[in-house]
């Protein structure tokens, strides 16, 4: 096996920020708070075997190395597509726990042992299972993985429990590694707590960009395109002129074709939010994918880049104009099966799908 451990420095946390919470919900249920999984969804493009182990993402890439052109090429690709530039820490190794330990040493600025001394020379501070027992192990004269591994098995289990012995067995190749692989949820539903109260709708777009980045990672992991999404915000519970306010507001954005490009969706949201007035300051955002469709990968052109025509597709332009002018202001003709010539066509809003307008 070949493992790659990934971690971002605290100042470069991948979007969405830690305040955003991934949720997996069933219809009719409230969103459930969960750890941020957006970086894991992003990593699924490199291998289907991704696990969150403590603060690190572990990628088992042995089955994907040939596809990406080798370990070095894969590492360069990970750095090039880093969702939180400018830096990402990564450490490859044949065993996941060894890769995790090397990454922790690199993040702490410590020197890495030479490859021939792995895993014996790794310090016990880099092993999660050993951290609760560091003082006891130090009194026994153990400061490295190799020294702890040399202790009598029964005595180590009796003093430190079975978890440390099991981790050392994995690190030294005596037992195989096993992790719960990350799977993208069937429904996208994320929330983001705003650090300050937001008084105008266009200002919500900056915070919504983090949720849109998480949505893009989820869509790519599920091989889907979004057709409709809902951006909702919770209002600060106050009264306006003595009248109680609703708990929140929301708007729905629809596209004619499945979309994965967040720039287009961001523009549509900006146009819609420019025409929204907040009833009260917003304190929380929620983004949901209401409707999705299988994603069809575009074929690559044989023409040189200079011969390609630049510009947005027509349906994106129509959707942007419709969002700016309002529903019903941009119309498109639609054929109707009718024997009467004057009834063989009708007009519908151009920014919606024909099947949803009937």
Protein backbone atom coordinates (compact mmCIF):
# COMPACT_ATOMS: atom_id res chain seq x y z
CA UNK A 1 0.00 0.00 0.00
CA UNK A 2 0.95 3.64 -0.44
CA UNK A 3 -0.43 6.34 1.83
CA UNK A 4 -0.38 10.13 1.65
CA UNK A 5 -1.17 12.21 4.73
CA UNK A 6 -2.56 15.72 4.13
CA UNK A 7 -2.98 18.62 6.51
CA UNK A 8 -3.51 22.34 6.16
CA UNK A 9 -1.93 24.86 8.55
CA UNK A 10 -4.40 26.56 10.92
CA UNK A 11 -4.18 29.80 8.92
CA UNK A 12 -5.09 28.05 5.65
CA UNK A 13 -8.11 25.92 6.51
CA UNK A 14 -9.90 24.65 3.39
CA UNK A 15 -13.29 26.10 2.67
CA UNK A 16 -15.67 26.01 4.32
CA UNK A 17 -14.21 27.39 7.52
CA UNK A 18 -14.54 25.43 10.79
CA UNK A 19 -17.77 27.28 11.58
CA UNK A 20 -19.40 25.47 8.68
CA UNK A 21 -20.85 22.09 9.54
CA UNK A 22 -21.50 19.26 7.13
CA UNK A 23 -24.90 17.67 7.48
CA UNK A 24 -26.58 14.60 6.14
CA UNK A 25 -30.33 14.82 6.46
CA UNK A 26 -33.37 12.87 5.52
CA UNK A 27 -36.52 14.63 4.26
CA UNK A 28 -38.36 16.31 7.10
CA UNK A 29 -35.44 16.18 9.53
CA UNK A 30 -33.43 19.03 10.96
CA UNK A 31 -29.82 19.31 9.75
CA UNK A 32 -27.39 17.40 11.97
CA UNK A 33 -24.06 18.99 12.90
CA UNK A 34 -21.01 16.98 11.85
CA UNK A 35 -17.27 17.56 11.36
CA UNK A 36 -16.18 19.53 8.30
CA UNK A 37 -15.92 16.98 5.49
CA UNK A 38 -15.39 19.31 2.53
CA UNK A 39 -11.60 18.67 2.34
CA UNK A 40 -12.34 14.93 2.32
CA UNK A 41 -14.84 15.36 -0.51
CA UNK A 42 -12.16 17.26 -2.44
CA UNK A 43 -9.62 14.46 -1.85
CA UNK A 44 -12.01 11.83 -3.27
CA UNK A 45 -11.03 12.96 -6.78
CA UNK A 46 -7.60 11.37 -6.27
CA UNK A 47 -8.65 8.06 -4.68
CA UNK A 48 -11.86 6.50 -3.36
CA UNK A 49 -10.04 5.57 -0.14
CA UNK A 50 -9.96 8.67 2.04
CA UNK A 51 -10.14 8.60 5.85
CA UNK A 52 -10.19 11.36 8.46
CA UNK A 53 -7.76 10.32 11.22
CA UNK A 54 -7.51 12.88 14.00
CA UNK A 55 -6.49 16.18 12.39
CA UNK A 56 -5.13 14.57 9.20
CA UNK A 57 -6.59 13.23 5.96
CA UNK A 58 -5.16 9.84 5.00
CA UNK A 59 -5.30 8.84 1.32
CA UNK A 60 -4.59 5.26 0.26
CA UNK A 61 -3.42 5.74 -3.34
CA UNK A 62 -1.82 2.44 -4.35
CA UNK A 63 -4.63 1.70 -6.83
CA UNK A 64 -4.51 5.24 -8.29
CA UNK A 65 -0.78 5.78 -8.80
CA UNK A 66 -0.78 4.50 -12.37
CA UNK A 67 -3.68 6.77 -13.28
CA UNK A 68 -1.88 9.87 -11.96
CA UNK A 69 1.56 8.95 -13.29
CA UNK A 70 3.28 7.95 -10.06
CA UNK A 71 3.61 9.21 -6.52
CA UNK A 72 5.57 12.35 -7.35
CA UNK A 73 3.14 13.38 -10.10
CA UNK A 74 0.21 12.77 -7.78
CA UNK A 75 1.80 14.91 -5.06
CA UNK A 76 2.30 17.72 -7.55
CA UNK A 77 -1.32 17.43 -8.68
CA UNK A 78 -2.53 17.64 -5.07
CA UNK A 79 -0.49 20.80 -4.53
CA UNK A 80 -1.71 22.32 -7.80
CA UNK A 81 -5.39 21.74 -6.95
CA UNK A 82 -5.08 22.67 -3.28
CA UNK A 83 -8.46 24.17 -2.24
CA UNK A 84 -6.80 26.40 0.37
CA UNK A 85 -3.62 27.85 -1.11
CA UNK A 86 -0.83 28.71 -0.67
CA UNK A 87 0.36 25.75 1.40
CA UNK A 88 -0.54 22.15 2.07
CA UNK A 89 1.49 19.65 4.07
CA UNK A 90 1.74 16.12 2.75
CA UNK A 91 3.80 13.08 3.72
CA UNK A 92 3.86 9.76 1.81
CA UNK A 93 4.68 6.39 3.39
CA UNK A 94 3.90 2.71 2.99
CA UNK A 95 1.91 2.71 6.26
CA UNK A 96 -0.74 5.26 7.12
CA UNK A 97 0.32 5.75 10.74
CA UNK A 98 3.90 6.39 9.61
CA UNK A 99 2.72 8.98 7.06
CA UNK A 100 0.61 10.65 9.77
CA UNK A 101 3.58 10.75 12.17
CA UNK A 102 5.91 12.24 9.55
CA UNK A 103 3.35 14.92 8.72
CA UNK A 104 3.04 15.84 12.40
CA UNK A 105 6.81 16.18 12.67
CA UNK A 106 6.90 18.32 9.54
CA UNK A 107 4.11 20.54 10.85
CA UNK A 108 6.01 20.98 14.13
CA UNK A 109 9.20 21.88 12.29
CA UNK A 110 11.10 18.82 13.55
CA UNK A 111 13.61 16.82 11.55
CA UNK A 112 12.35 13.61 9.97
CA UNK A 113 14.21 10.33 10.62
CA UNK A 114 15.96 8.78 7.59
CA UNK A 115 13.81 6.27 5.65
CA UNK A 116 15.97 3.36 6.82
CA UNK A 117 15.13 4.20 10.46
CA UNK A 118 11.34 4.14 9.99
CA UNK A 119 9.25 3.47 11.96
CA UNK A 120 11.65 2.62 14.84
CA UNK A 121 13.09 6.15 15.21
CA UNK A 122 9.77 8.01 15.23
CA UNK A 123 9.05 9.77 18.55
CA UNK A 124 6.12 8.55 20.60
CA UNK A 125 4.62 12.05 20.62
CA UNK A 126 3.70 11.50 16.96
CA UNK A 127 1.57 8.41 17.74
CA UNK A 128 -1.98 9.19 18.85
CA UNK A 129 -2.41 5.99 20.87
CA UNK A 130 0.76 6.75 22.87
CA UNK A 131 -0.04 10.33 23.82
CA UNK A 132 -2.08 9.49 26.98
CA UNK A 133 0.82 7.34 28.27
CA UNK A 134 3.89 9.46 27.47
CA UNK A 135 4.89 10.03 31.09
CA UNK A 136 4.63 6.34 31.95
CA UNK A 137 6.57 5.33 28.84
CA UNK A 138 9.25 7.93 29.58
CA UNK A 139 9.74 6.46 33.05
CA UNK A 140 10.21 3.09 31.35
CA UNK A 141 12.89 4.61 29.13
CA UNK A 142 10.76 4.54 25.96
CA UNK A 143 10.79 7.59 23.73
CA UNK A 144 10.54 6.04 20.26
CA UNK A 145 8.24 3.61 18.50
CA UNK A 146 10.94 0.99 18.37
CA UNK A 147 11.58 1.12 22.11
CA UNK A 148 7.86 0.79 22.89
CA UNK A 149 7.54 -2.03 20.36
CA UNK A 150 10.32 -3.95 22.15
CA UNK A 151 8.45 -3.97 25.48
CA UNK A 152 6.79 -7.24 26.52
CA UNK A 153 3.38 -7.44 24.89
CA UNK A 154 1.41 -8.52 27.98
CA UNK A 155 2.95 -5.88 30.21
CA UNK A 156 2.39 -3.08 27.67
CA UNK A 157 -1.27 -4.04 27.28
CA UNK A 158 -1.75 -4.26 31.04
CA UNK A 159 -0.25 -0.81 31.68
CA UNK A 160 -1.34 1.14 28.60
CA UNK A 161 -4.32 -0.76 27.24
CA UNK A 162 -4.78 -2.60 23.94
CA UNK A 163 -4.99 0.51 21.73
CA UNK A 164 -1.26 1.30 21.90
CA UNK A 165 -0.24 -2.29 21.23
CA UNK A 166 -2.65 -2.48 18.28
CA UNK A 167 -1.27 0.77 16.82
CA UNK A 168 2.32 -0.50 17.10
CA UNK A 169 1.34 -3.76 15.42
CA UNK A 170 -0.04 -1.75 12.49
CA UNK A 171 3.01 0.52 12.35
CA UNK A 172 5.39 -2.46 12.18
CA UNK A 173 3.32 -4.33 9.61
CA UNK A 174 2.08 -7.10 11.91
CA UNK A 175 -1.60 -6.35 11.29
CA UNK A 176 -3.29 -4.56 8.38
CA UNK A 177 -4.65 -1.04 8.65
CA UNK A 178 -8.38 -0.50 8.64
CA UNK A 179 -10.18 2.85 8.54
CA UNK A 180 -13.77 3.95 7.91
CA UNK A 181 -13.58 5.37 4.40
CA UNK A 182 -15.17 8.73 3.80
CA UNK A 183 -18.31 8.68 1.65
CA UNK A 184 -20.00 11.84 0.41
CA UNK A 185 -23.58 12.04 1.79
CA UNK A 186 -26.54 11.63 -0.53
CA UNK A 187 -27.86 15.10 0.29
CA UNK A 188 -25.94 18.36 0.57
CA UNK A 189 -27.05 20.51 3.50
CA UNK A 190 -24.54 22.79 5.24
CA UNK A 191 -24.78 25.61 7.73
CA UNK A 192 -22.39 28.45 8.52
CA UNK A 193 -22.56 30.54 11.68
CA UNK A 194 -21.75 34.17 10.87
CA UNK A 195 -19.17 35.78 13.13
CA UNK A 196 -20.94 39.16 12.93
CA UNK A 197 -24.50 40.21 12.19
CA UNK A 198 -25.00 40.94 8.48
CA UNK A 199 -27.34 43.83 7.72
CA UNK A 200 -27.63 43.67 3.92
CA UNK A 201 -28.25 40.79 1.55
CA UNK A 202 -25.31 41.37 -0.87
CA UNK A 203 -22.90 41.04 2.07
CA UNK A 204 -24.17 37.48 2.55
CA UNK A 205 -22.49 36.51 -0.70
CA UNK A 206 -19.01 36.60 0.87
CA UNK A 207 -19.97 34.02 3.50
CA UNK A 208 -22.00 32.02 0.97
CA UNK A 209 -18.85 31.61 -1.17
CA UNK A 210 -17.46 29.20 1.44
CA UNK A 211 -20.60 27.09 1.29
CA UNK A 212 -20.49 27.14 -2.51
CA UNK A 213 -16.92 25.81 -2.41
CA UNK A 214 -18.07 22.93 -0.22
CA UNK A 215 -20.98 22.32 -2.60
CA UNK A 216 -18.57 22.06 -5.54
CA UNK A 217 -16.45 19.47 -3.72
CA UNK A 218 -19.59 17.48 -2.92
CA UNK A 219 -20.88 17.63 -6.50
CA UNK A 220 -17.56 16.40 -7.89
CA UNK A 221 -17.39 13.60 -5.34
CA UNK A 222 -20.92 12.45 -6.24
CA UNK A 223 -20.49 13.10 -10.02
CA UNK A 224 -23.53 15.38 -10.01
CA UNK A 225 -24.54 18.79 -11.27
CA UNK A 226 -26.91 21.05 -9.38
CA UNK A 227 -30.18 22.22 -10.94
CA UNK A 228 -31.68 24.02 -7.94
CA UNK A 229 -30.24 25.22 -4.66
CA UNK A 230 -31.62 27.13 -1.71
CA UNK A 231 -29.75 29.76 0.29
CA UNK A 232 -31.49 30.49 3.59
CA UNK A 233 -30.47 32.74 6.45
CA UNK A 234 -31.64 32.89 10.05
CA UNK A 235 -32.64 36.31 11.35
CA UNK A 236 -31.77 37.83 14.68
CA UNK A 237 -34.91 37.32 16.74
CA UNK A 238 -36.23 40.85 17.23
CA UNK A 239 -39.45 42.73 16.70
CA UNK A 240 -39.99 45.35 14.03
CA UNK A 241 -42.55 48.04 14.91
CA UNK A 242 -43.95 45.73 17.56
CA UNK A 243 -44.55 42.91 15.08
CA UNK A 244 -42.73 39.56 15.41
CA UNK A 245 -40.38 38.73 12.58
CA UNK A 246 -40.21 35.40 10.74
CA UNK A 247 -37.35 33.14 11.84
CA UNK A 248 -35.57 33.45 8.51
CA UNK A 249 -35.61 34.19 4.79
CA UNK A 250 -34.60 32.16 1.77
CA UNK A 251 -34.21 32.28 -1.97
CA UNK A 252 -34.03 29.51 -4.55
CA UNK A 253 -31.76 29.59 -7.60
CA UNK A 254 -32.46 27.29 -10.55
CA UNK A 255 -30.45 26.52 -13.66
CA UNK A 256 -31.54 25.06 -16.99
CA UNK A 257 -28.63 22.64 -17.18
CA UNK A 258 -26.75 20.83 -14.38
CA UNK A 259 -23.93 23.05 -13.11
CA UNK A 260 -20.70 22.44 -11.24
CA UNK A 261 -19.14 25.84 -11.97
CA UNK A 262 -19.55 27.86 -8.80
CA UNK A 263 -18.66 31.12 -10.55
CA UNK A 264 -21.90 30.96 -12.50
CA UNK A 265 -23.94 30.12 -9.41
CA UNK A 266 -22.19 32.89 -7.49
CA UNK A 267 -23.20 35.39 -10.15
CA UNK A 268 -26.81 34.20 -10.05
CA UNK A 269 -26.84 34.52 -6.27
CA UNK A 270 -25.35 38.01 -6.49
CA UNK A 271 -28.07 39.15 -8.88
CA UNK A 272 -30.83 37.69 -6.71
CA UNK A 273 -29.40 38.99 -3.44
CA UNK A 274 -29.11 42.51 -4.89
CA UNK A 275 -32.92 42.61 -5.03
CA UNK A 276 -33.50 41.18 -1.52
CA UNK A 277 -34.06 43.28 1.59
CA UNK A 278 -33.23 41.73 4.96
CA UNK A 279 -35.98 42.05 7.54
CA UNK A 280 -33.38 41.88 10.32
CA UNK A 281 -29.64 41.15 10.66
CA UNK A 282 -28.69 37.61 9.60
CA UNK A 283 -26.81 35.37 12.04
CA UNK A 284 -26.59 32.05 10.19
CA UNK A 285 -26.50 30.76 6.60
CA UNK A 286 -27.76 27.45 5.24
CA UNK A 287 -27.17 26.10 1.74
CA UNK A 288 -29.07 23.10 0.37
CA UNK A 289 -29.00 21.34 -2.98
CA UNK A 290 -32.68 20.89 -3.83
CA UNK A 291 -32.31 19.18 -7.20
CA UNK A 292 -29.37 17.50 -8.89
CA UNK A 293 -28.73 15.48 -12.04
CA UNK A 294 -25.94 13.17 -13.24
CA UNK A 295 -22.95 15.12 -14.45
CA UNK A 296 -21.92 14.70 -18.07
CA UNK A 297 -18.21 15.35 -18.51
CA UNK A 298 -17.51 17.62 -21.48
CA UNK A 299 -15.41 16.16 -24.25
CA UNK A 300 -12.04 17.76 -24.98
CA UNK A 301 -11.62 19.63 -28.24
CA UNK A 302 -8.96 18.75 -30.79
CA UNK A 303 -8.69 22.41 -31.83
CA UNK A 304 -5.83 24.54 -30.45
CA UNK A 305 -6.74 26.88 -27.62
CA UNK A 306 -6.42 29.98 -29.81
CA UNK A 307 -9.16 28.65 -32.13
CA UNK A 308 -11.69 28.18 -29.36
CA UNK A 309 -14.41 30.79 -28.98
CA UNK A 310 -14.36 32.47 -25.59
CA UNK A 311 -17.44 33.51 -23.64
CA UNK A 312 -20.17 32.08 -21.47
CA UNK A 313 -22.71 29.62 -22.91
CA UNK A 314 -26.02 31.11 -24.00
CA UNK A 315 -28.03 29.51 -21.20
CA UNK A 316 -25.72 31.05 -18.57
CA UNK A 317 -26.17 34.52 -20.11
CA UNK A 318 -29.96 34.09 -20.18
CA UNK A 319 -30.04 32.95 -16.56
CA UNK A 320 -27.97 35.96 -15.44
CA UNK A 321 -30.22 38.42 -17.29
CA UNK A 322 -33.34 36.74 -15.90
CA UNK A 323 -31.95 36.90 -12.37
CA UNK A 324 -31.15 40.61 -12.82
CA UNK A 325 -34.44 41.70 -14.44
CA UNK A 326 -36.70 39.38 -12.50
CA UNK A 327 -38.80 36.32 -13.36
CA UNK A 328 -40.97 36.67 -16.41
CA UNK A 329 -39.00 39.55 -17.94
CA UNK A 330 -37.03 37.33 -20.33
CA UNK A 331 -39.19 34.91 -22.33
CA UNK A 332 -38.47 31.98 -24.63
CA UNK A 333 -40.73 30.38 -27.18
CA UNK A 334 -41.86 26.79 -26.65
CA UNK A 335 -43.55 24.48 -29.18
CA UNK A 336 -46.91 22.98 -28.26
CA UNK A 337 -48.51 19.92 -29.86
CA UNK A 338 -51.79 21.43 -31.07
CA UNK A 339 -53.66 21.20 -34.37
CA UNK A 340 -54.57 24.92 -34.25
CA UNK A 341 -51.81 27.05 -35.82
CA UNK A 342 -52.35 29.94 -33.41
CA UNK A 343 -51.90 27.60 -30.42
CA UNK A 344 -48.75 25.79 -31.57
CA UNK A 345 -46.44 27.96 -29.54
CA UNK A 346 -46.39 29.68 -26.18
CA UNK A 347 -44.04 31.85 -24.15
CA UNK A 348 -42.44 30.81 -20.89
CA UNK A 349 -39.82 32.39 -18.56
CA UNK A 350 -36.44 31.73 -20.19
CA UNK A 351 -34.64 31.15 -16.92
CA UNK A 352 -36.43 27.93 -15.95
CA UNK A 353 -36.54 24.42 -17.29
CA UNK A 354 -39.56 23.69 -19.57
CA UNK A 355 -40.50 20.61 -17.53
CA UNK A 356 -40.74 22.66 -14.33
CA UNK A 357 -42.77 25.46 -15.96
CA UNK A 358 -45.73 23.30 -17.03
